[in-house]
Structures are given as structure tokens and as C-alpha cells.
Amino acid sequence: MHLLTIALAEDRATTLAQERRRHGSLPARPRGGPTSAARRMLARALATISLVSAAAVRRLDACIAEDLVRPLAPADGA
């Protein structure tokens, strides 16, 4: 990770903490209705699909790597 990114994140966290102290605690987010629950379920479903597809890609990559390492024809005399 680039060192500037870390410094920017620390600076942002410090600024947020100062604003909270200055203005009191930030108001809580209003709880959503049924659409919020549907969005949350959709987000979880998409995350699950993403994890499953990433696992499939890793498995295919491992299979292809094994095929590249394994010789195509047996060595003579071995």
C-alpha cells in the first residue's frame, strides 16, 4: 500500500474524530423499511455469488497450472 494512502486515512480519521467532539455525536442513520432489507439481502446474495465465482476461478487456475507443469509426453527411459 502506498504510504500516502495511509497518511490520508489517518488524517481523515483525525478530522472525523475532531468533528464528532465539536458537534457531539452524529445522529444515527434512520432505519430503513422493507426496501432496506431487500437491498441488504441482494447485497449478501451478490457477495455470495462473487465469493463462489472467485473460488471457481482459483480452482480453474490451479488446474491450468498443473497442466502446464505436467509434461505432455512421458520422458524416454524414465
N, C-alpha and C. Protein backbone atom coordinates (compact mmCIF):
# COMPACT_ATOMS: atom_id res chain seq x y z
N MET A 1 0.85 -1.17 0.00
CA MET A 1 0.00 0.00 0.00
C MET A 1 0.89 1.23 0.00
N HIS A 2 0.48 2.22 -0.71
CA HIS A 2 1.27 3.43 -0.81
C HIS A 2 1.22 4.17 0.53
N LEU A 3 2.35 4.74 0.95
CA LEU A 3 2.42 5.41 2.25
C LEU A 3 1.52 6.64 2.31
N LEU A 4 1.32 7.31 1.19
CA LEU A 4 0.46 8.49 1.18
C LEU A 4 -0.98 8.11 1.51
N THR A 5 -1.42 6.95 1.07
CA THR A 5 -2.78 6.50 1.35
C THR A 5 -2.99 6.33 2.84
N ILE A 6 -2.02 5.78 3.52
CA ILE A 6 -2.12 5.59 4.97
C ILE A 6 -2.20 6.94 5.67
N ALA A 7 -1.36 7.89 5.25
CA ALA A 7 -1.38 9.21 5.86
C ALA A 7 -2.71 9.91 5.63
N LEU A 8 -3.27 9.77 4.42
CA LEU A 8 -4.57 10.38 4.13
C LEU A 8 -5.67 9.77 4.99
N ALA A 9 -5.64 8.45 5.19
CA ALA A 9 -6.64 7.78 6.01
C ALA A 9 -6.55 8.23 7.46
N GLU A 10 -5.32 8.35 7.98
CA GLU A 10 -5.14 8.82 9.35
C GLU A 10 -5.62 10.25 9.51
N ASP A 11 -5.34 11.09 8.53
CA ASP A 11 -5.77 12.48 8.57
C ASP A 11 -7.30 12.56 8.56
N ARG A 12 -7.94 11.76 7.73
CA ARG A 12 -9.40 11.75 7.65
C ARG A 12 -10.01 11.27 8.97
N ALA A 13 -9.43 10.24 9.57
CA ALA A 13 -9.93 9.73 10.84
C ALA A 13 -9.79 10.78 11.94
N THR A 14 -8.69 11.49 11.95
CA THR A 14 -8.49 12.55 12.93
C THR A 14 -9.51 13.66 12.75
N THR A 15 -9.75 14.05 11.51
CA THR A 15 -10.72 15.11 11.21
C THR A 15 -12.11 14.69 11.66
N LEU A 16 -12.51 13.46 11.39
CA LEU A 16 -13.83 12.98 11.81
C LEU A 16 -13.96 12.96 13.33
N ALA A 17 -12.91 12.54 14.01
CA ALA A 17 -12.96 12.50 15.47
C ALA A 17 -13.09 13.91 16.04
N GLN A 18 -12.40 14.88 15.47
CA GLN A 18 -12.50 16.26 15.93
C GLN A 18 -13.90 16.81 15.69
N GLU A 19 -14.49 16.49 14.54
CA GLU A 19 -15.84 16.96 14.25
C GLU A 19 -16.85 16.35 15.21
N ARG A 20 -16.69 15.09 15.55
CA ARG A 20 -17.61 14.45 16.50
C ARG A 20 -17.51 15.12 17.87
N ARG A 21 -16.28 15.41 18.31
CA ARG A 21 -16.12 16.06 19.60
C ARG A 21 -16.71 17.46 19.59
N ARG A 22 -16.54 18.16 18.48
CA ARG A 22 -17.01 19.52 18.38
C ARG A 22 -18.53 19.59 18.31
N HIS A 23 -19.15 18.70 17.58
CA HIS A 23 -20.59 18.76 17.36
C HIS A 23 -21.37 17.72 18.15
N GLY A 24 -20.73 17.02 19.00
CA GLY A 24 -21.41 15.92 19.70
C GLY A 24 -21.45 14.71 18.80
N SER A 25 -22.14 13.71 19.23
CA SER A 25 -22.19 12.51 18.40
C SER A 25 -23.08 12.76 17.19
N LEU A 26 -22.76 12.12 16.12
CA LEU A 26 -23.54 12.27 14.90
C LEU A 26 -24.86 11.54 15.06
N PRO A 27 -25.94 12.06 14.48
CA PRO A 27 -27.23 11.37 14.62
C PRO A 27 -27.18 10.00 13.95
N ALA A 28 -27.92 9.08 14.52
CA ALA A 28 -27.96 7.73 13.97
C ALA A 28 -28.69 7.74 12.64
N ARG A 29 -28.29 6.82 11.78
CA ARG A 29 -28.98 6.70 10.49
C ARG A 29 -30.40 6.23 10.73
N PRO A 30 -31.34 6.78 10.00
CA PRO A 30 -32.70 6.26 10.14
C PRO A 30 -32.78 4.83 9.63
N ARG A 31 -33.51 4.02 10.36
CA ARG A 31 -33.66 2.63 9.95
C ARG A 31 -34.55 2.57 8.73
N GLY A 32 -34.14 1.80 7.78
CA GLY A 32 -34.89 1.68 6.54
C GLY A 32 -36.06 0.72 6.68
N GLY A 33 -36.90 0.77 5.71
CA GLY A 33 -38.07 -0.10 5.69
C GLY A 33 -37.78 -1.37 4.94
N PRO A 34 -38.79 -1.89 4.26
CA PRO A 34 -38.62 -3.15 3.53
C PRO A 34 -37.62 -3.05 2.38
N THR A 35 -37.48 -1.86 1.80
CA THR A 35 -36.52 -1.74 0.70
C THR A 35 -35.10 -1.88 1.21
N SER A 36 -34.86 -1.42 2.43
CA SER A 36 -33.53 -1.56 3.02
C SER A 36 -33.21 -3.04 3.25
N ALA A 37 -34.18 -3.78 3.72
CA ALA A 37 -33.97 -5.22 3.95
C ALA A 37 -33.75 -5.93 2.62
N ALA A 38 -34.49 -5.53 1.59
CA ALA A 38 -34.31 -6.15 0.27
C ALA A 38 -32.93 -5.83 -0.29
N ARG A 39 -32.49 -4.60 -0.10
CA ARG A 39 -31.14 -4.23 -0.57
C ARG A 39 -30.08 -5.02 0.15
N ARG A 40 -30.27 -5.19 1.46
CA ARG A 40 -29.29 -5.95 2.25
C ARG A 40 -29.24 -7.40 1.79
N MET A 41 -30.41 -8.01 1.54
CA MET A 41 -30.44 -9.39 1.06
C MET A 41 -29.81 -9.50 -0.32
N LEU A 42 -30.08 -8.54 -1.19
CA LEU A 42 -29.49 -8.54 -2.52
C LEU A 42 -27.97 -8.39 -2.44
N ALA A 43 -27.51 -7.53 -1.56
CA ALA A 43 -26.07 -7.33 -1.39
C ALA A 43 -25.40 -8.62 -0.90
N ARG A 44 -26.05 -9.30 0.04
CA ARG A 44 -25.48 -10.56 0.54
C ARG A 44 -25.47 -11.63 -0.55
N ALA A 45 -26.54 -11.67 -1.35
CA ALA A 45 -26.59 -12.65 -2.44
C ALA A 45 -25.49 -12.38 -3.47
N LEU A 46 -25.29 -11.11 -3.82
CA LEU A 46 -24.24 -10.77 -4.77
C LEU A 46 -22.85 -11.06 -4.20
N ALA A 47 -22.68 -10.83 -2.91
CA ALA A 47 -21.40 -11.14 -2.28
C ALA A 47 -21.14 -12.64 -2.30
N THR A 48 -22.17 -13.43 -2.05
CA THR A 48 -22.03 -14.89 -2.09
C THR A 48 -21.68 -15.36 -3.49
N ILE A 49 -22.37 -14.82 -4.50
CA ILE A 49 -22.06 -15.17 -5.89
C ILE A 49 -20.62 -14.80 -6.21
N SER A 50 -20.18 -13.64 -5.75
CA SER A 50 -18.81 -13.20 -6.01
C SER A 50 -17.80 -14.15 -5.37
N LEU A 51 -18.05 -14.56 -4.13
CA LEU A 51 -17.13 -15.47 -3.45
C LEU A 51 -17.08 -16.83 -4.14
N VAL A 52 -18.23 -17.33 -4.57
CA VAL A 52 -18.28 -18.63 -5.24
C VAL A 52 -17.56 -18.56 -6.58
N SER A 53 -17.78 -17.49 -7.33
CA SER A 53 -17.11 -17.39 -8.63
C SER A 53 -15.60 -17.21 -8.45
N ALA A 54 -15.18 -16.49 -7.40
CA ALA A 54 -13.75 -16.35 -7.15
C ALA A 54 -13.13 -17.70 -6.80
N ALA A 55 -13.83 -18.51 -6.04
CA ALA A 55 -13.32 -19.85 -5.69
C ALA A 55 -13.22 -20.71 -6.94
N ALA A 56 -14.20 -20.60 -7.84
CA ALA A 56 -14.16 -21.38 -9.08
C ALA A 56 -12.98 -20.95 -9.95
N VAL A 57 -12.74 -19.66 -10.01
CA VAL A 57 -11.61 -19.16 -10.81
C VAL A 57 -10.29 -19.64 -10.22
N ARG A 58 -10.16 -19.61 -8.88
CA ARG A 58 -8.93 -20.11 -8.25
C ARG A 58 -8.73 -21.59 -8.55
N ARG A 59 -9.81 -22.37 -8.53
CA ARG A 59 -9.71 -23.81 -8.81
C ARG A 59 -9.29 -24.04 -10.26
N LEU A 60 -9.90 -23.31 -11.20
CA LEU A 60 -9.52 -23.45 -12.60
C LEU A 60 -8.07 -23.04 -12.81
N ASP A 61 -7.64 -22.00 -12.12
CA ASP A 61 -6.26 -21.55 -12.24
C ASP A 61 -5.30 -22.63 -11.75
N ALA A 62 -5.65 -23.28 -10.66
CA ALA A 62 -4.81 -24.36 -10.14
C ALA A 62 -4.75 -25.52 -11.12
N CYS A 63 -5.88 -25.85 -11.75
CA CYS A 63 -5.90 -26.95 -12.72
C CYS A 63 -5.04 -26.62 -13.94
N ILE A 64 -5.15 -25.40 -14.41
CA ILE A 64 -4.35 -24.98 -15.57
C ILE A 64 -2.88 -24.99 -15.22
N ALA A 65 -2.54 -24.55 -14.01
CA ALA A 65 -1.14 -24.54 -13.59
C ALA A 65 -0.59 -25.96 -13.52
N GLU A 66 -1.41 -26.91 -13.05
CA GLU A 66 -0.96 -28.30 -13.01
C GLU A 66 -0.72 -28.83 -14.42
N ASP A 67 -1.60 -28.49 -15.35
CA ASP A 67 -1.43 -28.94 -16.74
C ASP A 67 -0.17 -28.35 -17.37
N LEU A 68 0.18 -27.13 -17.02
CA LEU A 68 1.37 -26.52 -17.58
C LEU A 68 2.65 -27.14 -17.03
N VAL A 69 2.59 -27.60 -15.78
CA VAL A 69 3.78 -28.17 -15.16
C VAL A 69 3.98 -29.62 -15.59
N ARG A 70 2.92 -30.34 -15.76
CA ARG A 70 3.00 -31.75 -16.12
C ARG A 70 3.49 -31.88 -17.57
N PRO A 71 4.45 -32.74 -17.83
CA PRO A 71 4.92 -32.91 -19.22
C PRO A 71 3.83 -33.52 -20.10
N LEU A 72 3.81 -33.13 -21.36
CA LEU A 72 2.79 -33.62 -22.27
C LEU A 72 3.06 -35.06 -22.69
N ALA A 73 4.30 -35.42 -22.87
CA ALA A 73 4.65 -36.79 -23.24
C ALA A 73 5.61 -37.35 -22.21
N PRO A 74 5.50 -38.63 -21.90
CA PRO A 74 6.43 -39.20 -20.93
C PRO A 74 7.86 -39.17 -21.44
N ALA A 75 8.78 -38.96 -20.55
CA ALA A 75 10.20 -38.93 -20.92
C ALA A 75 10.68 -40.34 -21.25
N ASP A 76 11.53 -40.47 -22.25
CA ASP A 76 12.05 -41.79 -22.63
C ASP A 76 12.99 -42.31 -21.55
N GLY A 77 12.81 -43.55 -21.21
CA GLY A 77 13.69 -44.19 -20.26
C GLY A 77 13.40 -43.85 -18.82
N ALA A 78 12.35 -43.13 -18.55
CA ALA A 78 12.08 -42.77 -17.16
C ALA A 78 10.92 -43.55 -16.63
